[in-house]
Amino acid sequence: HHHPYEKWSQADYGQMAAFFSTVTTKADQDPIEPAFFARVGAASSPHPKSGQPLAPAGLGAGGPASGAAASDVPVIAASDDPRQQLADWMTDPTNPFFAKAVVNRYWKHFLGRGLVEPEDDLRVTNPPSNPELLAAMEQSFIESGYDLKALVRLITTSATYSLASDAVAGNIADTRNYSRFYPKRLGAEVLLDAVDRVAESTTPFAGMPAGTRAIELPDTAFESYFLQVFGRPESATACECERSQDANLAQSLHLLNSEQMQTKLSEASGRAASLASDDATTDLGKVTVLYEISLSRKPTADELAIALAYLEGQDKRQAYEDLIWSLLNAKEFLFNH
């Protein structure tokens, strides 16, 4: 069907689909993990209604909605892979869509809310909250040669990203102007790696080398209840909405009393065991380092007094397990603020 809120027609969609019309699977392949290849032949896709063959063309790059004649659509030789032209069109500096989409998604990743929200709903009738900022970031991204590290550096070194999350009377209701940082729970993979870092444990993943971190996994097919319950996407669709940052009861119960968490805390090679057996460092030093590792700050006077009092008169290893457990369940640990 035609896009309900945009100028794109069935023909425009058909011409985008034509880029993949020569892609097929090899015969007698595993249906779960088939092998794909591009066969030789003219790339085209039939119009959904008329059946007329449609040549590959990017949105606005010779398609019907661009107002261009059919002769303006670039011709792809039958021996060429049309996906190469699609990649060239996507990264062409004159393409008004690619840089905008990438910049907006990275902004949402770091700031919690996209300049266009939802972040994958880029259309004329859903304008950005700050058009000038989005345009400036687009231009910077293009001029950098689509350098993602440069984009990350631009966002994370900005004054906006460095703002505290503490609200004041004038911005407590603001959700559009980035007058403060909007706290967000750590992503599933980042959180699991953070738990492993603090507890000095490792999470094994089938088929991966020992010590592989969750953020290093090549896809979402690896079994992990922790990643599942904390919102890792299943990658069943291309929608960013598959990843959930919402908090729920299952997450709290898993961190509080799951077998996986208890195993991480009580490992013989874990941080609690190593702290308990370290006779060269004082409890004050151990607690200070533990706060620095888990919360990126030193403990306050009250926190230090409570922790030191708890460590007195009981089994040190069990006490350090409890202390680490309490830090892993703190909102300050679970949220980027």
C-alpha atoms as a PDB file:
ATOM      1  CA  HIS A   1       0.000   0.000   0.000  1.00  0.00           C
ATOM      2  CA  HIS A   2       1.009   3.644  -0.286  1.00  0.00           C
ATOM      3  CA  HIS A   3       2.612   5.147   2.816  1.00  0.00           C
ATOM      4  CA  PRO A   4      -0.225   6.692   4.851  1.00  0.00           C
ATOM      5  CA  TYR A   5       1.787   9.744   5.989  1.00  0.00           C
ATOM      6  CA  GLU A   6       4.461  10.124   3.307  1.00  0.00           C
ATOM      7  CA  LYS A   7       4.754  10.498  -0.478  1.00  0.00           C
ATOM      8  CA  TRP A   8       6.092   6.973  -1.050  1.00  0.00           C
ATOM      9  CA  SER A   9       4.008   4.769  -3.316  1.00  0.00           C
ATOM     10  CA  GLN A  10       3.814   1.045  -3.981  1.00  0.00           C
ATOM     11  CA  ALA A  11       6.150   1.588  -6.919  1.00  0.00           C
ATOM     12  CA  ASP A  12       8.763   3.208  -4.674  1.00  0.00           C
ATOM     13  CA  TYR A  13       8.678   0.218  -2.344  1.00  0.00           C
ATOM     14  CA  GLY A  14       8.856  -2.136  -5.323  1.00  0.00           C
ATOM     15  CA  GLN A  15      11.944  -0.383  -6.658  1.00  0.00           C
ATOM     16  CA  MET A  16      13.663  -0.691  -3.266  1.00  0.00           C
ATOM     17  CA  ALA A  17      12.788  -4.403  -3.157  1.00  0.00           C
ATOM     18  CA  ALA A  18      14.262  -4.833  -6.643  1.00  0.00           C
ATOM     19  CA  PHE A  19      17.764  -4.344  -5.224  1.00  0.00           C
ATOM     20  CA  PHE A  20      17.388  -7.774  -3.622  1.00  0.00           C
ATOM     21  CA  SER A  21      15.543  -9.509  -6.452  1.00  0.00           C
ATOM     22  CA  THR A  22      18.665 -11.390  -7.586  1.00  0.00           C
ATOM     23  CA  VAL A  23      19.483 -12.686  -4.110  1.00  0.00           C
ATOM     24  CA  THR A  24      18.589 -16.324  -3.604  1.00  0.00           C
ATOM     25  CA  THR A  25      19.578 -19.335  -1.512  1.00  0.00           C
ATOM     26  CA  LYS A  26      21.667 -22.245  -2.632  1.00  0.00           C
ATOM     27  CA  ALA A  27      19.819 -25.498  -3.161  1.00  0.00           C
ATOM     28  CA  ASP A  28      19.861 -28.230  -0.503  1.00  0.00           C
ATOM     29  CA  GLN A  29      20.920 -25.820   2.234  1.00  0.00           C
ATOM     30  CA  ASP A  30      20.091 -25.855   5.928  1.00  0.00           C
ATOM     31  CA  PRO A  31      16.698 -24.064   6.158  1.00  0.00           C
ATOM     32  CA  ILE A  32      17.653 -22.543   9.505  1.00  0.00           C
ATOM     33  CA  GLU A  33      20.980 -21.089   8.333  1.00  0.00           C
ATOM     34  CA  PRO A  34      20.776 -20.980   4.516  1.00  0.00           C
ATOM     35  CA  ALA A  35      23.644 -19.748   2.329  1.00  0.00           C
ATOM     36  CA  PHE A  36      22.747 -16.722   0.173  1.00  0.00           C
ATOM     37  CA  PHE A  37      24.247 -15.610  -3.110  1.00  0.00           C
ATOM     38  CA  ALA A  38      23.423 -13.175  -5.929  1.00  0.00           C
ATOM     39  CA  ARG A  39      22.571 -14.822  -9.219  1.00  0.00           C
ATOM     40  CA  VAL A  40      23.321 -13.210 -12.572  1.00  0.00           C
ATOM     41  CA  GLY A  41      20.388 -11.535 -14.278  1.00  0.00           C
ATOM     42  CA  ALA A  42      18.491  -8.286 -14.605  1.00  0.00           C
ATOM     43  CA  ALA A  43      17.245  -6.983 -11.290  1.00  0.00           C
ATOM     44  CA  SER A  44      13.557  -6.062 -11.173  1.00  0.00           C
ATOM     45  CA  SER A  45      10.497  -6.377  -9.003  1.00  0.00           C
ATOM     46  CA  PRO A  46       6.870  -6.559 -10.226  1.00  0.00           C
ATOM     47  CA  HIS A  47       4.504  -3.755  -9.327  1.00  0.00           C
ATOM     48  CA  PRO A  48       2.062  -5.122  -6.690  1.00  0.00           C
ATOM     49  CA  LYS A  49      -0.975  -4.183  -8.786  1.00  0.00           C
ATOM     50  CA  SER A  50      -0.012  -3.847 -12.448  1.00  0.00           C
ATOM     51  CA  GLY A  51       2.748  -6.440 -12.488  1.00  0.00           C
ATOM     52  CA  GLN A  52       4.926  -4.026 -14.460  1.00  0.00           C
ATOM     53  CA  PRO A  53       8.640  -4.736 -13.843  1.00  0.00           C
ATOM     54  CA  LEU A  54      10.288  -2.087 -11.696  1.00  0.00           C
ATOM     55  CA  ALA A  55      14.014  -1.377 -11.889  1.00  0.00           C
ATOM     56  CA  PRO A  56      16.008  -0.861  -8.678  1.00  0.00           C
ATOM     57  CA  ALA A  57      16.070   2.729  -7.399  1.00  0.00           C
ATOM     58  CA  GLY A  58      16.579   4.359  -4.020  1.00  0.00           C
ATOM     59  CA  LEU A  59      13.820   6.424  -2.475  1.00  0.00           C
ATOM     60  CA  GLY A  60      13.827   9.773  -4.232  1.00  0.00           C
ATOM     61  CA  ALA A  61      16.662   8.675  -6.540  1.00  0.00           C
ATOM     62  CA  GLY A  62      14.701   8.048  -9.703  1.00  0.00           C
ATOM     63  CA  GLY A  63      11.651   6.455  -8.155  1.00  0.00           C
ATOM     64  CA  PRO A  64       8.083   7.595  -8.953  1.00  0.00           C
ATOM     65  CA  ALA A  65       7.874   9.885  -5.924  1.00  0.00           C
ATOM     66  CA  SER A  66      10.960  11.795  -7.108  1.00  0.00           C
ATOM     67  CA  GLY A  67       9.161  12.975 -10.220  1.00  0.00           C
ATOM     68  CA  ALA A  68      11.934  11.567 -12.413  1.00  0.00           C
ATOM     69  CA  ALA A  69      11.314   9.845 -15.678  1.00  0.00           C
ATOM     70  CA  ALA A  70      11.966   6.136 -16.040  1.00  0.00           C
ATOM     71  CA  SER A  71      14.989   6.982 -18.189  1.00  0.00           C
ATOM     72  CA  ASP A  72      16.578   8.727 -15.194  1.00  0.00           C
ATOM     73  CA  VAL A  73      16.759   5.495 -13.197  1.00  0.00           C
ATOM     74  CA  PRO A  74      20.354   4.172 -13.287  1.00  0.00           C
ATOM     75  CA  VAL A  75      20.745   1.014 -15.345  1.00  0.00           C
ATOM     76  CA  ILE A  76      22.385  -1.938 -13.602  1.00  0.00           C
ATOM     77  CA  ALA A  77      24.136  -4.485 -15.796  1.00  0.00           C
ATOM     78  CA  ALA A  78      22.856  -8.052 -15.523  1.00  0.00           C
ATOM     79  CA  SER A  79      26.320  -9.172 -14.393  1.00  0.00           C
ATOM     80  CA  ASP A  80      26.456  -6.687 -11.491  1.00  0.00           C
ATOM     81  CA  ASP A  81      25.137  -7.137  -7.966  1.00  0.00           C
ATOM     82  CA  PRO A  82      22.460  -4.427  -7.512  1.00  0.00           C
ATOM     83  CA  ARG A  83      23.167  -4.282  -3.782  1.00  0.00           C
ATOM     84  CA  GLN A  84      26.442  -2.516  -4.577  1.00  0.00           C
ATOM     85  CA  GLN A  85      24.514   0.353  -6.146  1.00  0.00           C
ATOM     86  CA  LEU A  86      22.188   0.371  -3.135  1.00  0.00           C
ATOM     87  CA  ALA A  87      25.210   0.781  -0.836  1.00  0.00           C
ATOM     88  CA  ASP A  88      26.562   3.572  -3.047  1.00  0.00           C
ATOM     89  CA  TRP A  89      23.216   5.370  -2.944  1.00  0.00           C
ATOM     90  CA  MET A  90      22.907   4.984   0.836  1.00  0.00           C
ATOM     91  CA  THR A  91      26.290   6.591   1.504  1.00  0.00           C
ATOM     92  CA  ASP A  92      26.064   9.273  -1.171  1.00  0.00           C
ATOM     93  CA  PRO A  93      26.441  12.705   0.513  1.00  0.00           C
ATOM     94  CA  THR A  94      23.315  13.890  -1.313  1.00  0.00           C
ATOM     95  CA  ASN A  95      21.205  11.111   0.236  1.00  0.00           C
ATOM     96  CA  PRO A  96      18.920  12.908   2.719  1.00  0.00           C
ATOM     97  CA  PHE A  97      18.068   9.780   4.720  1.00  0.00           C
ATOM     98  CA  PHE A  98      21.120   7.710   5.690  1.00  0.00           C
ATOM     99  CA  ALA A  99      23.143  10.200   7.755  1.00  0.00           C
ATOM    100  CA  LYS A 100      20.004  11.494   9.466  1.00  0.00           C
ATOM    101  CA  ALA A 101      18.919   7.984  10.488  1.00  0.00           C
ATOM    102  CA  VAL A 102      22.347   6.984  11.829  1.00  0.00           C
ATOM    103  CA  VAL A 103      22.880  10.224  13.753  1.00  0.00           C
ATOM    104  CA  ASN A 104      19.423  10.060  15.300  1.00  0.00           C
ATOM    105  CA  ARG A 105      19.869   6.442  16.419  1.00  0.00           C
ATOM    106  CA  TYR A 106      23.243   7.170  18.044  1.00  0.00           C
ATOM    107  CA  TRP A 107      21.815  10.242  19.761  1.00  0.00           C
ATOM    108  CA  LYS A 108      18.999   8.086  21.152  1.00  0.00           C
ATOM    109  CA  HIS A 109      21.490   5.428  22.262  1.00  0.00           C
ATOM    110  CA  PHE A 110      23.501   7.885  24.347  1.00  0.00           C
ATOM    111  CA  LEU A 111      20.860  10.407  25.410  1.00  0.00           C
ATOM    112  CA  GLY A 112      17.881   8.104  25.925  1.00  0.00           C
ATOM    113  CA  ARG A 113      15.613   9.952  23.499  1.00  0.00           C
ATOM    114  CA  GLY A 114      16.053  10.622  19.794  1.00  0.00           C
ATOM    115  CA  LEU A 115      15.874  14.037  18.180  1.00  0.00           C
ATOM    116  CA  VAL A 116      13.210  12.268  16.119  1.00  0.00           C
ATOM    117  CA  GLU A 117      11.082  10.014  18.292  1.00  0.00           C
ATOM    118  CA  PRO A 118      10.378   7.140  17.737  1.00  0.00           C
ATOM    119  CA  GLU A 119      13.905   6.906  16.382  1.00  0.00           C
ATOM    120  CA  ASP A 120      12.956   4.787  13.349  1.00  0.00           C
ATOM    121  CA  ASP A 121      10.001   6.960  12.304  1.00  0.00           C
ATOM    122  CA  LEU A 122      11.735   9.518  10.078  1.00  0.00           C
ATOM    123  CA  ARG A 123       9.144  11.297   7.973  1.00  0.00           C
ATOM    124  CA  VAL A 124       8.140  14.830   7.020  1.00  0.00           C
ATOM    125  CA  THR A 125       5.118  14.708   9.337  1.00  0.00           C
ATOM    126  CA  ASN A 126       7.280  13.719  12.358  1.00  0.00           C
ATOM    127  CA  PRO A 127       9.843  16.553  12.571  1.00  0.00           C
ATOM    128  CA  PRO A 128      12.853  16.553  14.948  1.00  0.00           C
ATOM    129  CA  SER A 129      12.674  18.409  18.252  1.00  0.00           C
ATOM    130  CA  ASN A 130      15.826  20.335  17.257  1.00  0.00           C
ATOM    131  CA  PRO A 131      16.141  20.510  13.443  1.00  0.00           C
ATOM    132  CA  GLU A 132      19.275  22.671  13.516  1.00  0.00           C
ATOM    133  CA  LEU A 133      21.142  20.273  15.798  1.00  0.00           C
ATOM    134  CA  LEU A 134      20.175  17.241  13.716  1.00  0.00           C
ATOM    135  CA  ALA A 135      21.255  18.993  10.508  1.00  0.00           C
ATOM    136  CA  ALA A 136      24.606  20.022  12.020  1.00  0.00           C
ATOM    137  CA  MET A 137      25.316  16.480  13.224  1.00  0.00           C
ATOM    138  CA  GLU A 138      24.337  15.058   9.839  1.00  0.00           C
ATOM    139  CA  GLN A 139      26.790  17.367   8.093  1.00  0.00           C
ATOM    140  CA  SER A 140      29.564  16.538  10.548  1.00  0.00           C
ATOM    141  CA  PHE A 141      28.955  12.805  10.058  1.00  0.00           C
ATOM    142  CA  ILE A 142      29.077  13.134   6.257  1.00  0.00           C
ATOM    143  CA  GLU A 143      32.226  15.288   6.328  1.00  0.00           C
ATOM    144  CA  SER A 144      33.948  12.717   8.556  1.00  0.00           C
ATOM    145  CA  GLY A 145      33.441  10.070   5.883  1.00  0.00           C
ATOM    146  CA  TYR A 146      30.720   8.372   7.948  1.00  0.00           C
ATOM    147  CA  ASP A 147      33.164   7.798  10.805  1.00  0.00           C
ATOM    148  CA  LEU A 148      31.139   6.230  13.638  1.00  0.00           C
ATOM    149  CA  LYS A 149      33.918   6.759  16.186  1.00  0.00           C
ATOM    150  CA  ALA A 150      33.960  10.457  15.319  1.00  0.00           C
ATOM    151  CA  LEU A 151      30.171  10.551  15.776  1.00  0.00           C
ATOM    152  CA  VAL A 152      30.410   8.859  19.183  1.00  0.00           C
ATOM    153  CA  ARG A 153      33.161  11.286  20.195  1.00  0.00           C
ATOM    154  CA  LEU A 154      31.063  14.270  19.080  1.00  0.00           C
ATOM    155  CA  ILE A 155      28.070  13.189  21.188  1.00  0.00           C
ATOM    156  CA  THR A 156      29.896  12.002  24.297  1.00  0.00           C
ATOM    157  CA  THR A 157      32.120  15.083  24.547  1.00  0.00           C
ATOM    158  CA  SER A 158      29.190  17.472  24.148  1.00  0.00           C
ATOM    159  CA  ALA A 159      27.911  19.720  26.918  1.00  0.00           C
ATOM    160  CA  THR A 160      24.499  18.073  26.535  1.00  0.00           C
ATOM    161  CA  TYR A 161      25.799  14.588  27.315  1.00  0.00           C
ATOM    162  CA  SER A 162      27.757  15.868  30.320  1.00  0.00           C
ATOM    163  CA  LEU A 163      24.682  17.339  32.035  1.00  0.00           C
ATOM    164  CA  ALA A 164      23.666  15.813  35.363  1.00  0.00           C
ATOM    165  CA  SER A 165      20.406  13.918  35.644  1.00  0.00           C
ATOM    166  CA  ASP A 166      19.271  15.834  38.735  1.00  0.00           C
ATOM    167  CA  ALA A 167      16.174  17.837  37.868  1.00  0.00           C
ATOM    168  CA  VAL A 168      15.351  21.331  39.060  1.00  0.00           C
ATOM    169  CA  ALA A 169      11.983  23.076  39.205  1.00  0.00           C
ATOM    170  CA  GLY A 170      12.410  24.490  35.714  1.00  0.00           C
ATOM    171  CA  ASN A 171      13.165  21.254  33.869  1.00  0.00           C
ATOM    172  CA  ILE A 172      11.610  18.419  35.847  1.00  0.00           C
ATOM    173  CA  ALA A 173       8.907  17.966  33.209  1.00  0.00           C
ATOM    174  CA  ASP A 174      11.168  18.486  30.197  1.00  0.00           C
ATOM    175  CA  THR A 175      11.437  15.456  27.924  1.00  0.00           C
ATOM    176  CA  ARG A 176      12.334  17.157  24.614  1.00  0.00           C
ATOM    177  CA  ASN A 177      14.958  19.845  25.095  1.00  0.00           C
ATOM    178  CA  TYR A 178      17.766  17.880  26.804  1.00  0.00           C
ATOM    179  CA  SER A 179      18.077  20.391  29.621  1.00  0.00           C
ATOM    180  CA  ARG A 180      19.288  17.495  31.790  1.00  0.00           C
ATOM    181  CA  PHE A 181      20.381  13.910  31.270  1.00  0.00           C
ATOM    182  CA  TYR A 182      17.491  11.438  31.247  1.00  0.00           C
ATOM    183  CA  PRO A 183      18.462   8.406  33.392  1.00  0.00           C
ATOM    184  CA  LYS A 184      18.194   5.083  31.580  1.00  0.00           C
ATOM    185  CA  ARG A 185      18.835   1.515  32.633  1.00  0.00           C
ATOM    186  CA  LEU A 186      21.989  -0.025  31.287  1.00  0.00           C
ATOM    187  CA  GLY A 187      21.422  -2.191  28.223  1.00  0.00           C
ATOM    188  CA  ALA A 188      21.224  -5.941  28.802  1.00  0.00           C
ATOM    189  CA  GLU A 189      24.684  -6.736  27.425  1.00  0.00           C
ATOM    190  CA  VAL A 190      26.389  -3.806  29.151  1.00  0.00           C
ATOM    191  CA  LEU A 191      24.735  -4.655  32.457  1.00  0.00           C
ATOM    192  CA  LEU A 192      25.785  -8.313  32.347  1.00  0.00           C
ATOM    193  CA  ASP A 193      29.369  -7.298  31.607  1.00  0.00           C
ATOM    194  CA  ALA A 194      29.245  -4.776  34.461  1.00  0.00           C
ATOM    195  CA  VAL A 195      28.009  -7.453  36.889  1.00  0.00           C
ATOM    196  CA  ASP A 196      30.826  -9.755  35.778  1.00  0.00           C
ATOM    197  CA  ARG A 197      33.362  -6.941  36.183  1.00  0.00           C
ATOM    198  CA  VAL A 198      32.288  -6.130  39.736  1.00  0.00           C
ATOM    199  CA  ALA A 199      31.908  -9.753  40.853  1.00  0.00           C
ATOM    200  CA  GLU A 200      35.041 -10.829  38.951  1.00  0.00           C
ATOM    201  CA  SER A 201      33.124 -13.641  37.309  1.00  0.00           C
ATOM    202  CA  THR A 202      32.633 -14.758  33.725  1.00  0.00           C
ATOM    203  CA  THR A 203      29.494 -15.728  31.850  1.00  0.00           C
ATOM    204  CA  PRO A 204      30.079 -18.624  29.422  1.00  0.00           C
ATOM    205  CA  PHE A 205      28.467 -18.538  25.982  1.00  0.00           C
ATOM    206  CA  ALA A 206      28.224 -21.739  23.943  1.00  0.00           C
ATOM    207  CA  GLY A 207      30.716 -21.841  21.106  1.00  0.00           C
ATOM    208  CA  MET A 208      32.567 -18.701  22.174  1.00  0.00           C
ATOM    209  CA  PRO A 209      36.055 -18.470  23.716  1.00  0.00           C
ATOM    210  CA  ALA A 210      36.268 -18.220  27.505  1.00  0.00           C
ATOM    211  CA  GLY A 211      36.109 -14.619  28.654  1.00  0.00           C
ATOM    212  CA  THR A 212      33.938 -13.407  25.768  1.00  0.00           C
ATOM    213  CA  ARG A 213      31.904 -10.430  26.947  1.00  0.00           C
ATOM    214  CA  ALA A 214      28.220 -10.044  26.200  1.00  0.00           C
ATOM    215  CA  ILE A 215      28.833  -6.941  24.083  1.00  0.00           C
ATOM    216  CA  GLU A 216      31.212  -9.002  21.915  1.00  0.00           C
ATOM    217  CA  LEU A 217      28.584 -11.571  20.898  1.00  0.00           C
ATOM    218  CA  PRO A 218      28.120 -11.518  17.110  1.00  0.00           C
ATOM    219  CA  ASP A 219      24.334 -11.899  17.219  1.00  0.00           C
ATOM    220  CA  THR A 220      21.356 -12.457  19.515  1.00  0.00           C
ATOM    221  CA  ALA A 221      21.125 -16.229  19.072  1.00  0.00           C
ATOM    222  CA  PHE A 222      23.098 -17.052  22.243  1.00  0.00           C
ATOM    223  CA  GLU A 223      21.037 -18.460  25.094  1.00  0.00           C
ATOM    224  CA  SER A 224      21.070 -16.239  28.186  1.00  0.00           C
ATOM    225  CA  TYR A 225      18.194 -15.745  30.586  1.00  0.00           C
ATOM    226  CA  PHE A 226      19.912 -12.632  31.971  1.00  0.00           C
ATOM    227  CA  LEU A 227      20.049 -10.969  28.542  1.00  0.00           C
ATOM    228  CA  GLN A 228      16.505 -12.072  27.771  1.00  0.00           C
ATOM    229  CA  VAL A 229      14.974 -10.736  30.972  1.00  0.00           C
ATOM    230  CA  PHE A 230      16.810  -7.417  30.657  1.00  0.00           C
ATOM    231  CA  GLY A 231      15.408  -6.716  27.215  1.00  0.00           C
ATOM    232  CA  ARG A 232      17.873  -7.990  24.621  1.00  0.00           C
ATOM    233  CA  PRO A 233      16.073  -7.906  21.239  1.00  0.00           C
ATOM    234  CA  GLU A 234      15.296 -11.149  19.454  1.00  0.00           C
ATOM    235  CA  SER A 235      16.119  -9.565  16.073  1.00  0.00           C
ATOM    236  CA  ALA A 236      12.911 -10.959  14.597  1.00  0.00           C
ATOM    237  CA  THR A 237      12.249  -7.574  12.945  1.00  0.00           C
ATOM    238  CA  ALA A 238      14.246  -4.468  12.025  1.00  0.00           C
ATOM    239  CA  CYS A 239      12.338  -2.366  14.576  1.00  0.00           C
ATOM    240  CA  GLU A 240      14.409  -0.733  17.288  1.00  0.00           C
ATOM    241  CA  CYS A 241      11.406  -1.196  19.574  1.00  0.00           C
ATOM    242  CA  GLU A 242      12.411  -4.852  20.057  1.00  0.00           C
ATOM    243  CA  ARG A 243      14.990  -3.779  22.642  1.00  0.00           C
ATOM    244  CA  SER A 244      13.280  -3.001  25.935  1.00  0.00           C
ATOM    245  CA  GLN A 245      14.750  -0.628  28.514  1.00  0.00           C
ATOM    246  CA  ASP A 246      11.770  -0.972  30.847  1.00  0.00           C
ATOM    247  CA  ALA A 247      12.211  -2.262  34.398  1.00  0.00           C
ATOM    248  CA  ASN A 248      10.118  -5.163  35.639  1.00  0.00           C
ATOM    249  CA  LEU A 249       9.722  -7.536  38.582  1.00  0.00           C
ATOM    250  CA  ALA A 250      11.559 -10.429  36.872  1.00  0.00           C
ATOM    251  CA  GLN A 251      14.693  -8.291  36.616  1.00  0.00           C
ATOM    252  CA  SER A 252      14.604  -7.406  40.313  1.00  0.00           C
ATOM    253  CA  LEU A 253      14.060 -11.022  41.345  1.00  0.00           C
ATOM    254  CA  HIS A 254      16.900 -12.210  39.129  1.00  0.00           C
ATOM    255  CA  LEU A 255      19.375  -9.762  40.644  1.00  0.00           C
ATOM    256  CA  LEU A 256      18.145 -10.389  44.180  1.00  0.00           C
ATOM    257  CA  ASN A 257      18.068 -14.152  44.485  1.00  0.00           C
ATOM    258  CA  SER A 258      18.690 -16.043  41.238  1.00  0.00           C
ATOM    259  CA  GLU A 259      21.038 -19.010  41.192  1.00  0.00           C
ATOM    260  CA  GLN A 260      23.156 -17.311  38.535  1.00  0.00           C
ATOM    261  CA  MET A 261      23.763 -14.242  40.714  1.00  0.00           C
ATOM    262  CA  GLN A 262      24.469 -16.314  43.827  1.00  0.00           C
ATOM    263  CA  THR A 263      27.018 -18.349  41.864  1.00  0.00           C
ATOM    264  CA  LYS A 264      28.763 -15.217  40.632  1.00  0.00           C
ATOM    265  CA  LEU A 265      28.982 -13.811  44.158  1.00  0.00           C
ATOM    266  CA  SER A 266      30.252 -17.016  45.763  1.00  0.00           C
ATOM    267  CA  GLU A 267      32.805 -18.150  43.179  1.00  0.00           C
ATOM    268  CA  ALA A 268      36.104 -19.236  44.712  1.00  0.00           C
ATOM    269  CA  SER A 269      37.913 -17.030  42.191  1.00  0.00           C
ATOM    270  CA  GLY A 270      35.446 -14.145  42.566  1.00  0.00           C
ATOM    271  CA  ARG A 271      35.965 -10.699  44.043  1.00  0.00           C
ATOM    272  CA  ALA A 272      34.364 -11.485  47.418  1.00  0.00           C
ATOM    273  CA  ALA A 273      36.741 -14.403  47.970  1.00  0.00           C
ATOM    274  CA  SER A 274      39.776 -12.368  46.904  1.00  0.00           C
ATOM    275  CA  LEU A 275      38.842  -9.449  49.151  1.00  0.00           C
ATOM    276  CA  ALA A 276      38.304 -11.736  52.142  1.00  0.00           C
ATOM    277  CA  SER A 277      41.700 -13.412  51.657  1.00  0.00           C
ATOM    278  CA  ASP A 278      43.645 -10.179  51.109  1.00  0.00           C
ATOM    279  CA  ASP A 279      45.475  -9.491  54.373  1.00  0.00           C
ATOM    280  CA  ALA A 280      47.622  -6.695  52.945  1.00  0.00           C
ATOM    281  CA  THR A 281      44.752  -4.222  52.439  1.00  0.00           C
ATOM    282  CA  THR A 282      42.519  -2.736  55.124  1.00  0.00           C
ATOM    283  CA  ASP A 283      38.752  -3.065  54.984  1.00  0.00           C
ATOM    284  CA  LEU A 284      38.595   0.699  54.442  1.00  0.00           C
ATOM    285  CA  GLY A 285      40.750   0.360  51.340  1.00  0.00           C
ATOM    286  CA  LYS A 286      38.797  -2.645  50.070  1.00  0.00           C
ATOM    287  CA  VAL A 287      35.419  -0.932  50.484  1.00  0.00           C
ATOM    288  CA  THR A 288      36.717   2.215  48.790  1.00  0.00           C
ATOM    289  CA  VAL A 289      37.998   0.263  45.788  1.00  0.00           C
ATOM    290  CA  LEU A 290      34.737  -1.694  45.600  1.00  0.00           C
ATOM    291  CA  TYR A 291      32.710   1.529  45.403  1.00  0.00           C
ATOM    292  CA  GLU A 292      35.048   2.940  42.784  1.00  0.00           C
ATOM    293  CA  ILE A 293      34.723  -0.175  40.627  1.00  0.00           C
ATOM    294  CA  SER A 294      30.951  -0.519  40.943  1.00  0.00           C
ATOM    295  CA  LEU A 295      29.719   3.085  41.180  1.00  0.00           C
ATOM    296  CA  SER A 296      32.717   5.047  39.817  1.00  0.00           C
ATOM    297  CA  ARG A 297      32.983   7.076  43.005  1.00  0.00           C
ATOM    298  CA  LYS A 298      34.261   6.832  46.552  1.00  0.00           C
ATOM    299  CA  PRO A 299      31.796   5.909  49.317  1.00  0.00           C
ATOM    300  CA  THR A 300      30.310   8.691  51.403  1.00  0.00           C
ATOM    301  CA  ALA A 301      31.169   8.866  55.098  1.00  0.00           C
ATOM    302  CA  ASP A 302      27.842   7.248  56.014  1.00  0.00           C
ATOM    303  CA  GLU A 303      28.202   4.483  53.417  1.00  0.00           C
ATOM    304  CA  LEU A 304      31.723   3.752  54.587  1.00  0.00           C
ATOM    305  CA  ALA A 305      30.696   3.609  58.233  1.00  0.00           C
ATOM    306  CA  ILE A 306      27.795   1.225  57.483  1.00  0.00           C
ATOM    307  CA  ALA A 307      29.974  -1.071  55.349  1.00  0.00           C
ATOM    308  CA  LEU A 308      32.820  -1.224  57.895  1.00  0.00           C
ATOM    309  CA  ALA A 309      30.396  -1.900  60.732  1.00  0.00           C
ATOM    310  CA  TYR A 310      28.807  -4.740  58.721  1.00  0.00           C
ATOM    311  CA  LEU A 311      32.205  -6.320  58.068  1.00  0.00           C
ATOM    312  CA  GLU A 312      32.986  -6.488  61.778  1.00  0.00           C
ATOM    313  CA  GLY A 313      32.372  -9.675  63.756  1.00  0.00           C
ATOM    314  CA  GLN A 314      31.281 -12.059  60.974  1.00  0.00           C
ATOM    315  CA  ASP A 315      32.684 -14.212  58.213  1.00  0.00           C
ATOM    316  CA  LYS A 316      34.530 -11.815  55.887  1.00  0.00           C
ATOM    317  CA  ARG A 317      33.852 -13.691  52.691  1.00  0.00           C
ATOM    318  CA  GLN A 318      30.105 -13.851  53.341  1.00  0.00           C
ATOM    319  CA  ALA A 319      30.123 -10.194  54.378  1.00  0.00           C
ATOM    320  CA  TYR A 320      31.857  -9.109  51.164  1.00  0.00           C
ATOM    321  CA  GLU A 321      29.441 -11.220  49.125  1.00  0.00           C
ATOM    322  CA  ASP A 322      26.582  -9.349  50.805  1.00  0.00           C
ATOM    323  CA  LEU A 323      28.227  -5.981  50.222  1.00  0.00           C
ATOM    324  CA  ILE A 324      28.792  -6.687  46.525  1.00  0.00           C
ATOM    325  CA  TRP A 325      25.225  -8.017  46.258  1.00  0.00           C
ATOM    326  CA  SER A 326      23.862  -4.766  47.709  1.00  0.00           C
ATOM    327  CA  LEU A 327      25.879  -2.645  45.259  1.00  0.00           C
ATOM    328  CA  LEU A 328      24.763  -4.708  42.258  1.00  0.00           C
ATOM    329  CA  ASN A 329      21.144  -4.095  43.264  1.00  0.00           C
ATOM    330  CA  ALA A 330      21.542  -0.347  43.742  1.00  0.00           C
ATOM    331  CA  LYS A 331      19.744   1.904  41.271  1.00  0.00           C
ATOM    332  CA  GLU A 332      22.940   3.915  40.976  1.00  0.00           C
ATOM    333  CA  PHE A 333      24.622   0.818  39.555  1.00  0.00           C
ATOM    334  CA  LEU A 334      21.753  -0.234  37.288  1.00  0.00           C
ATOM    335  CA  PHE A 335      21.164   3.150  35.663  1.00  0.00           C
ATOM    336  CA  ASN A 336      23.236   5.460  33.502  1.00  0.00           C
ATOM    337  CA  HIS A 337      22.685   8.832  35.098  1.00  0.00           C
END
